[in-house]
């Protein structure tokens, strides 16, 4: 995956592609920071989108542990992968993970919460020896 996004042009092209998991669902206002499947279709993986535009696709099959820490951060831990998501109202995302309904989570471009959304994702931290 690293090879695909090494050049700034590839990152720019990726950011402008419209795919099924990006904001813009039918009949409802798109969410800024997350997408949850509401049509009953099974979700096999979710996407994390860093503010630099580089994504990470994580299969639900790899997620034995989703929890929250004392600071109300969302923690996702599996094998070599540890993901920490910081922001406001992470409990809503935690609940959606319980039903394997989270489709995507996007990190804020500015890290400033204007409280216009029900959930705010300030930071996504991905730690893994395999991903570097």
N, C-alpha and C. Protein backbone atom coordinates (compact mmCIF):
# COMPACT_ATOMS: atom_id res chain seq x y z
N UNK A 1 0.81 -1.18 0.00
CA UNK A 1 0.00 0.00 0.00
C UNK A 1 0.86 1.26 0.00
N UNK A 2 2.00 1.25 0.66
CA UNK A 2 2.85 2.42 0.72
C UNK A 2 3.27 2.89 -0.67
N UNK A 3 3.59 1.94 -1.55
CA UNK A 3 4.07 2.27 -2.89
C UNK A 3 3.04 3.09 -3.67
N UNK A 4 1.76 2.78 -3.51
CA UNK A 4 0.71 3.46 -4.26
C UNK A 4 0.64 4.95 -3.95
N UNK A 5 0.98 5.33 -2.72
CA UNK A 5 0.75 6.70 -2.29
C UNK A 5 2.03 7.49 -2.04
N UNK A 6 3.11 7.05 -2.61
CA UNK A 6 4.37 7.76 -2.37
C UNK A 6 4.39 9.15 -3.02
N UNK A 7 3.84 9.27 -4.19
CA UNK A 7 3.90 10.58 -4.85
C UNK A 7 2.70 11.44 -4.46
N UNK A 8 2.92 12.73 -4.41
CA UNK A 8 1.85 13.68 -4.09
C UNK A 8 0.72 13.60 -5.10
N UNK A 9 1.04 13.29 -6.35
CA UNK A 9 0.01 13.18 -7.38
C UNK A 9 -0.94 12.02 -7.07
N UNK A 10 -0.40 10.89 -6.65
CA UNK A 10 -1.26 9.76 -6.29
C UNK A 10 -2.16 10.10 -5.11
N UNK A 11 -1.63 10.82 -4.12
CA UNK A 11 -2.43 11.23 -2.97
C UNK A 11 -3.54 12.17 -3.43
N UNK A 12 -3.20 13.13 -4.27
CA UNK A 12 -4.20 14.07 -4.78
C UNK A 12 -5.28 13.33 -5.55
N UNK A 13 -4.90 12.39 -6.40
CA UNK A 13 -5.87 11.61 -7.16
C UNK A 13 -6.76 10.80 -6.24
N UNK A 14 -6.19 10.22 -5.19
CA UNK A 14 -6.97 9.42 -4.26
C UNK A 14 -8.02 10.26 -3.55
N UNK A 15 -7.63 11.46 -3.12
CA UNK A 15 -8.55 12.34 -2.39
C UNK A 15 -9.76 12.74 -3.23
N UNK A 16 -9.61 12.81 -4.54
CA UNK A 16 -10.71 13.28 -5.39
C UNK A 16 -11.59 12.15 -5.90
N UNK A 17 -11.20 10.89 -5.69
CA UNK A 17 -12.03 9.78 -6.14
C UNK A 17 -13.26 9.66 -5.26
N UNK A 18 -14.41 9.37 -5.86
CA UNK A 18 -15.64 9.14 -5.11
C UNK A 18 -15.87 7.64 -5.07
N UNK A 19 -15.88 7.07 -3.88
CA UNK A 19 -16.10 5.65 -3.75
C UNK A 19 -17.31 5.41 -2.85
N UNK A 20 -17.75 4.18 -2.76
CA UNK A 20 -18.97 3.85 -2.03
C UNK A 20 -18.89 4.14 -0.54
N UNK A 21 -17.72 4.28 0.04
CA UNK A 21 -17.64 4.48 1.48
C UNK A 21 -17.38 5.93 1.86
N UNK A 22 -17.31 6.82 0.89
CA UNK A 22 -17.08 8.22 1.20
C UNK A 22 -18.41 8.94 1.45
N UNK A 23 -18.36 10.15 2.01
CA UNK A 23 -19.58 10.89 2.32
C UNK A 23 -20.46 11.06 1.09
N UNK A 24 -21.75 11.08 1.31
CA UNK A 24 -22.68 11.34 0.22
C UNK A 24 -23.74 10.27 0.08
N UNK A 25 -24.31 9.80 1.19
CA UNK A 25 -25.34 8.77 1.14
C UNK A 25 -26.66 9.29 0.59
N UNK A 26 -27.57 8.37 0.30
CA UNK A 26 -28.87 8.72 -0.29
C UNK A 26 -29.78 9.36 0.75
N UNK A 27 -30.35 10.51 0.41
CA UNK A 27 -31.42 11.11 1.18
C UNK A 27 -31.06 11.67 2.55
N UNK A 28 -29.85 11.59 2.98
CA UNK A 28 -29.49 12.15 4.26
C UNK A 28 -28.23 13.00 4.13
N UNK A 29 -28.12 13.96 5.04
CA UNK A 29 -26.95 14.84 5.01
C UNK A 29 -25.70 14.00 5.28
N UNK A 30 -24.70 14.09 4.40
CA UNK A 30 -23.48 13.32 4.62
C UNK A 30 -22.80 13.76 5.91
N UNK A 31 -22.25 12.81 6.62
CA UNK A 31 -21.50 13.10 7.83
C UNK A 31 -20.09 13.51 7.43
N UNK A 32 -19.51 14.36 8.24
CA UNK A 32 -18.18 14.87 7.95
C UNK A 32 -17.07 13.91 8.36
N UNK A 33 -17.31 13.17 9.45
CA UNK A 33 -16.24 12.41 10.06
C UNK A 33 -16.44 10.89 10.08
N UNK A 34 -17.61 10.40 9.70
CA UNK A 34 -17.82 8.96 9.75
C UNK A 34 -19.01 8.56 8.88
N UNK A 35 -19.04 7.27 8.55
CA UNK A 35 -20.18 6.70 7.84
C UNK A 35 -20.58 5.40 8.50
N UNK A 36 -21.89 5.22 8.69
CA UNK A 36 -22.41 4.01 9.31
C UNK A 36 -23.43 3.39 8.37
N UNK A 37 -23.31 2.10 8.13
CA UNK A 37 -24.26 1.37 7.27
C UNK A 37 -25.62 1.32 7.96
N UNK A 38 -26.64 1.79 7.26
CA UNK A 38 -27.97 1.79 7.86
C UNK A 38 -28.96 0.95 7.05
N UNK A 39 -28.50 0.34 5.96
CA UNK A 39 -29.41 -0.42 5.11
C UNK A 39 -29.42 -1.91 5.38
N UNK A 40 -28.73 -2.35 6.42
CA UNK A 40 -28.72 -3.76 6.76
C UNK A 40 -27.75 -4.62 5.98
N UNK A 41 -26.97 -4.00 5.07
CA UNK A 41 -25.96 -4.78 4.33
C UNK A 41 -24.78 -5.09 5.24
N UNK A 42 -24.18 -6.26 5.10
CA UNK A 42 -23.01 -6.58 5.92
C UNK A 42 -21.81 -5.71 5.52
N UNK A 43 -21.09 -5.24 6.50
CA UNK A 43 -19.88 -4.45 6.26
C UNK A 43 -18.70 -5.34 6.61
N UNK A 44 -17.85 -5.61 5.64
CA UNK A 44 -16.72 -6.52 5.87
C UNK A 44 -15.46 -5.80 6.33
N UNK A 45 -15.37 -4.49 6.05
CA UNK A 45 -14.18 -3.74 6.44
C UNK A 45 -14.56 -2.28 6.60
N UNK A 46 -13.72 -1.55 7.31
CA UNK A 46 -13.92 -0.11 7.43
C UNK A 46 -12.65 0.60 6.99
N UNK A 47 -12.81 1.86 6.64
CA UNK A 47 -11.70 2.66 6.12
C UNK A 47 -11.40 3.78 7.11
N UNK A 48 -10.12 3.99 7.37
CA UNK A 48 -9.66 5.13 8.15
C UNK A 48 -9.00 6.08 7.17
N UNK A 49 -9.34 7.36 7.25
CA UNK A 49 -8.80 8.35 6.33
C UNK A 49 -8.09 9.42 7.14
N UNK A 50 -6.77 9.45 7.01
CA UNK A 50 -5.97 10.47 7.70
C UNK A 50 -6.12 11.80 6.99
N UNK A 51 -5.79 12.90 7.67
CA UNK A 51 -5.95 14.21 7.06
C UNK A 51 -5.03 14.41 5.85
N UNK A 52 -3.96 13.62 5.74
CA UNK A 52 -3.09 13.72 4.57
C UNK A 52 -3.68 12.97 3.37
N UNK A 53 -4.83 12.31 3.57
CA UNK A 53 -5.52 11.63 2.48
C UNK A 53 -5.17 10.17 2.32
N UNK A 54 -4.17 9.69 3.02
CA UNK A 54 -3.76 8.30 2.88
C UNK A 54 -4.70 7.43 3.71
N UNK A 55 -5.33 6.43 3.08
CA UNK A 55 -6.31 5.60 3.78
C UNK A 55 -5.70 4.31 4.34
N UNK A 56 -6.44 3.70 5.23
CA UNK A 56 -6.13 2.36 5.71
C UNK A 56 -7.45 1.60 5.74
N UNK A 57 -7.48 0.47 5.09
CA UNK A 57 -8.67 -0.38 5.04
C UNK A 57 -8.45 -1.54 6.01
N UNK A 58 -9.36 -1.70 6.97
CA UNK A 58 -9.20 -2.71 8.01
C UNK A 58 -10.38 -3.68 7.97
N UNK A 59 -10.12 -4.96 7.73
CA UNK A 59 -11.21 -5.94 7.77
C UNK A 59 -11.72 -6.14 9.20
N UNK A 60 -13.03 -6.23 9.35
CA UNK A 60 -13.60 -6.50 10.67
C UNK A 60 -13.09 -7.84 11.23
N UNK A 61 -12.73 -8.76 10.36
CA UNK A 61 -12.24 -10.06 10.81
C UNK A 61 -10.98 -9.94 11.67
N UNK A 62 -10.26 -8.83 11.58
CA UNK A 62 -9.04 -8.63 12.37
C UNK A 62 -9.28 -7.95 13.71
N UNK A 63 -10.51 -7.67 14.06
CA UNK A 63 -10.77 -6.84 15.24
C UNK A 63 -11.28 -7.61 16.44
N UNK A 64 -10.40 -8.19 17.22
CA UNK A 64 -10.89 -8.88 18.40
C UNK A 64 -11.23 -7.93 19.55
N UNK A 65 -10.72 -6.67 19.54
CA UNK A 65 -10.93 -5.79 20.68
C UNK A 65 -11.19 -4.36 20.23
N UNK A 66 -12.35 -3.84 20.59
CA UNK A 66 -12.68 -2.43 20.41
C UNK A 66 -13.14 -1.95 21.78
N UNK A 67 -12.49 -0.92 22.30
CA UNK A 67 -12.80 -0.44 23.64
C UNK A 67 -12.61 1.07 23.71
N UNK A 68 -12.87 1.63 24.87
CA UNK A 68 -12.63 3.05 25.11
C UNK A 68 -11.72 3.17 26.33
N UNK A 69 -10.83 4.16 26.32
CA UNK A 69 -9.96 4.35 27.47
C UNK A 69 -10.55 5.38 28.42
N UNK A 70 -9.83 5.70 29.48
CA UNK A 70 -10.33 6.62 30.51
C UNK A 70 -10.54 8.04 29.99
N UNK A 71 -9.87 8.39 28.89
CA UNK A 71 -10.03 9.73 28.30
C UNK A 71 -11.11 9.75 27.21
N UNK A 72 -11.90 8.68 27.11
CA UNK A 72 -12.97 8.53 26.12
C UNK A 72 -12.45 8.45 24.69
N UNK A 73 -11.22 8.00 24.52
CA UNK A 73 -10.69 7.72 23.19
C UNK A 73 -11.15 6.33 22.77
N UNK A 74 -11.36 6.14 21.48
CA UNK A 74 -11.72 4.84 20.94
C UNK A 74 -10.43 4.08 20.63
N UNK A 75 -10.32 2.85 21.12
CA UNK A 75 -9.13 2.03 20.89
C UNK A 75 -9.54 0.77 20.13
N UNK A 76 -8.80 0.48 19.07
CA UNK A 76 -9.01 -0.72 18.27
C UNK A 76 -7.68 -1.45 18.23
N UNK A 77 -7.66 -2.68 18.76
CA UNK A 77 -6.41 -3.42 18.88
C UNK A 77 -6.56 -4.81 18.28
N UNK A 78 -5.58 -5.19 17.45
CA UNK A 78 -5.57 -6.53 16.87
C UNK A 78 -4.15 -6.87 16.44
N UNK A 79 -3.65 -7.99 16.91
CA UNK A 79 -2.32 -8.48 16.53
C UNK A 79 -1.31 -7.36 16.62
N UNK A 80 -0.74 -6.92 15.51
CA UNK A 80 0.29 -5.89 15.46
C UNK A 80 -0.31 -4.48 15.33
N UNK A 81 -1.59 -4.36 15.17
CA UNK A 81 -2.24 -3.09 14.86
C UNK A 81 -2.89 -2.48 16.10
N UNK A 82 -2.57 -1.21 16.39
CA UNK A 82 -3.24 -0.47 17.45
C UNK A 82 -3.67 0.88 16.87
N UNK A 83 -4.97 1.13 16.93
CA UNK A 83 -5.53 2.37 16.40
C UNK A 83 -6.16 3.12 17.56
N UNK A 84 -5.80 4.39 17.71
CA UNK A 84 -6.39 5.26 18.72
C UNK A 84 -7.10 6.39 17.98
N UNK A 85 -8.37 6.56 18.27
CA UNK A 85 -9.15 7.63 17.65
C UNK A 85 -9.59 8.58 18.76
N UNK A 86 -9.13 9.84 18.65
CA UNK A 86 -9.44 10.85 19.66
C UNK A 86 -10.44 11.84 19.09
N UNK A 87 -11.35 12.28 19.93
CA UNK A 87 -12.33 13.26 19.50
C UNK A 87 -13.49 13.35 20.47
N UNK A 88 -14.61 13.86 19.97
CA UNK A 88 -15.80 14.03 20.78
C UNK A 88 -16.86 13.01 20.38
N UNK A 89 -17.55 12.48 21.37
CA UNK A 89 -18.65 11.53 21.20
C UNK A 89 -18.19 10.22 20.54
N UNK A 90 -17.05 9.72 20.97
CA UNK A 90 -16.52 8.46 20.45
C UNK A 90 -17.41 7.28 20.83
N UNK A 91 -18.26 7.45 21.85
CA UNK A 91 -19.18 6.38 22.26
C UNK A 91 -20.11 6.00 21.12
N UNK A 92 -20.51 6.96 20.31
CA UNK A 92 -21.38 6.65 19.17
C UNK A 92 -20.66 5.71 18.18
N UNK A 93 -19.38 5.96 17.91
CA UNK A 93 -18.62 5.09 17.03
C UNK A 93 -18.39 3.72 17.69
N UNK A 94 -18.11 3.73 19.00
CA UNK A 94 -17.92 2.47 19.73
C UNK A 94 -19.17 1.59 19.59
N UNK A 95 -20.34 2.18 19.78
CA UNK A 95 -21.59 1.43 19.66
C UNK A 95 -21.78 0.87 18.25
N UNK A 96 -21.42 1.65 17.24
CA UNK A 96 -21.55 1.20 15.84
C UNK A 96 -20.56 0.07 15.53
N UNK A 97 -19.38 0.10 16.15
CA UNK A 97 -18.41 -0.99 15.96
C UNK A 97 -18.97 -2.30 16.51
N UNK A 98 -19.75 -2.22 17.58
CA UNK A 98 -20.35 -3.41 18.16
C UNK A 98 -21.24 -4.16 17.17
N UNK A 99 -21.87 -3.44 16.27
CA UNK A 99 -22.70 -4.05 15.24
C UNK A 99 -22.00 -4.18 13.90
N UNK A 100 -20.69 -3.95 13.89
CA UNK A 100 -19.88 -3.97 12.66
C UNK A 100 -20.53 -3.14 11.56
N UNK A 101 -20.93 -1.91 11.92
CA UNK A 101 -21.63 -1.05 10.97
C UNK A 101 -20.81 0.16 10.52
N UNK A 102 -19.66 0.41 11.14
CA UNK A 102 -18.83 1.56 10.74
C UNK A 102 -18.23 1.27 9.37
N UNK A 103 -18.44 2.19 8.44
CA UNK A 103 -17.90 2.03 7.08
C UNK A 103 -16.61 2.83 6.91
N UNK A 104 -16.56 4.03 7.47
CA UNK A 104 -15.37 4.86 7.35
C UNK A 104 -15.33 5.86 8.49
N UNK A 105 -14.10 6.27 8.83
CA UNK A 105 -13.86 7.33 9.81
C UNK A 105 -12.79 8.24 9.22
N UNK A 106 -13.05 9.53 9.26
CA UNK A 106 -12.13 10.51 8.66
C UNK A 106 -11.63 11.47 9.73
N UNK A 107 -10.34 11.64 9.75
CA UNK A 107 -9.69 12.58 10.67
C UNK A 107 -9.97 14.01 10.20
N UNK A 108 -10.19 14.92 11.16
CA UNK A 108 -10.42 16.33 10.84
C UNK A 108 -9.19 16.94 10.18
N UNK A 109 -9.41 17.81 9.22
CA UNK A 109 -8.31 18.51 8.56
C UNK A 109 -7.67 19.55 9.48
N UNK A 110 -8.44 20.09 10.41
CA UNK A 110 -7.96 21.20 11.22
C UNK A 110 -7.78 20.88 12.69
N UNK A 111 -8.34 19.79 13.19
CA UNK A 111 -8.34 19.43 14.60
C UNK A 111 -9.13 20.41 15.46
N UNK A 112 -9.92 21.29 14.83
CA UNK A 112 -10.75 22.23 15.58
C UNK A 112 -12.21 21.79 15.49
N UNK A 113 -12.84 21.65 16.63
CA UNK A 113 -14.22 21.19 16.73
C UNK A 113 -15.17 22.38 16.77
N UNK A 114 -15.97 22.54 15.69
CA UNK A 114 -16.95 23.62 15.68
C UNK A 114 -18.30 23.14 16.22
N UNK A 115 -18.37 21.89 16.65
CA UNK A 115 -19.55 21.26 17.24
C UNK A 115 -20.76 21.27 16.31
N UNK A 116 -20.52 21.32 15.00
CA UNK A 116 -21.61 21.29 14.03
C UNK A 116 -22.05 19.86 13.71
N UNK A 117 -21.25 18.88 14.11
CA UNK A 117 -21.54 17.47 13.85
C UNK A 117 -21.74 16.74 15.18
N UNK A 118 -22.44 15.61 15.13
CA UNK A 118 -22.67 14.83 16.35
C UNK A 118 -21.41 14.13 16.83
N UNK A 119 -20.46 13.88 15.92
CA UNK A 119 -19.18 13.25 16.26
C UNK A 119 -18.07 14.10 15.66
N UNK A 120 -16.98 14.27 16.41
CA UNK A 120 -15.81 14.97 15.90
C UNK A 120 -14.60 14.07 16.06
N UNK A 121 -13.86 13.85 14.98
CA UNK A 121 -12.66 13.02 15.01
C UNK A 121 -11.45 13.94 14.89
N UNK A 122 -10.80 14.18 16.02
CA UNK A 122 -9.65 15.08 16.06
C UNK A 122 -8.42 14.42 15.47
N UNK A 123 -8.13 13.19 15.90
CA UNK A 123 -6.89 12.54 15.52
C UNK A 123 -7.10 11.03 15.38
N UNK A 124 -6.46 10.45 14.38
CA UNK A 124 -6.39 8.99 14.24
C UNK A 124 -4.90 8.62 14.30
N UNK A 125 -4.55 7.80 15.28
CA UNK A 125 -3.17 7.36 15.45
C UNK A 125 -3.12 5.87 15.13
N UNK A 126 -2.29 5.51 14.17
CA UNK A 126 -2.14 4.12 13.76
C UNK A 126 -0.75 3.66 14.11
N UNK A 127 -0.65 2.63 14.94
CA UNK A 127 0.65 2.08 15.33
C UNK A 127 0.74 0.63 14.87
N UNK A 128 1.79 0.34 14.10
CA UNK A 128 1.98 -1.02 13.60
C UNK A 128 3.40 -1.16 13.10
N UNK A 129 4.07 -2.22 13.50
CA UNK A 129 5.42 -2.49 12.98
C UNK A 129 5.36 -2.85 11.50
N UNK A 130 4.32 -3.55 11.11
CA UNK A 130 4.19 -3.98 9.71
C UNK A 130 3.95 -2.82 8.76
N UNK A 131 3.20 -1.80 9.22
CA UNK A 131 2.90 -0.66 8.35
C UNK A 131 3.98 0.41 8.40
N UNK A 132 4.86 0.34 9.38
CA UNK A 132 5.96 1.29 9.48
C UNK A 132 5.65 2.58 10.12
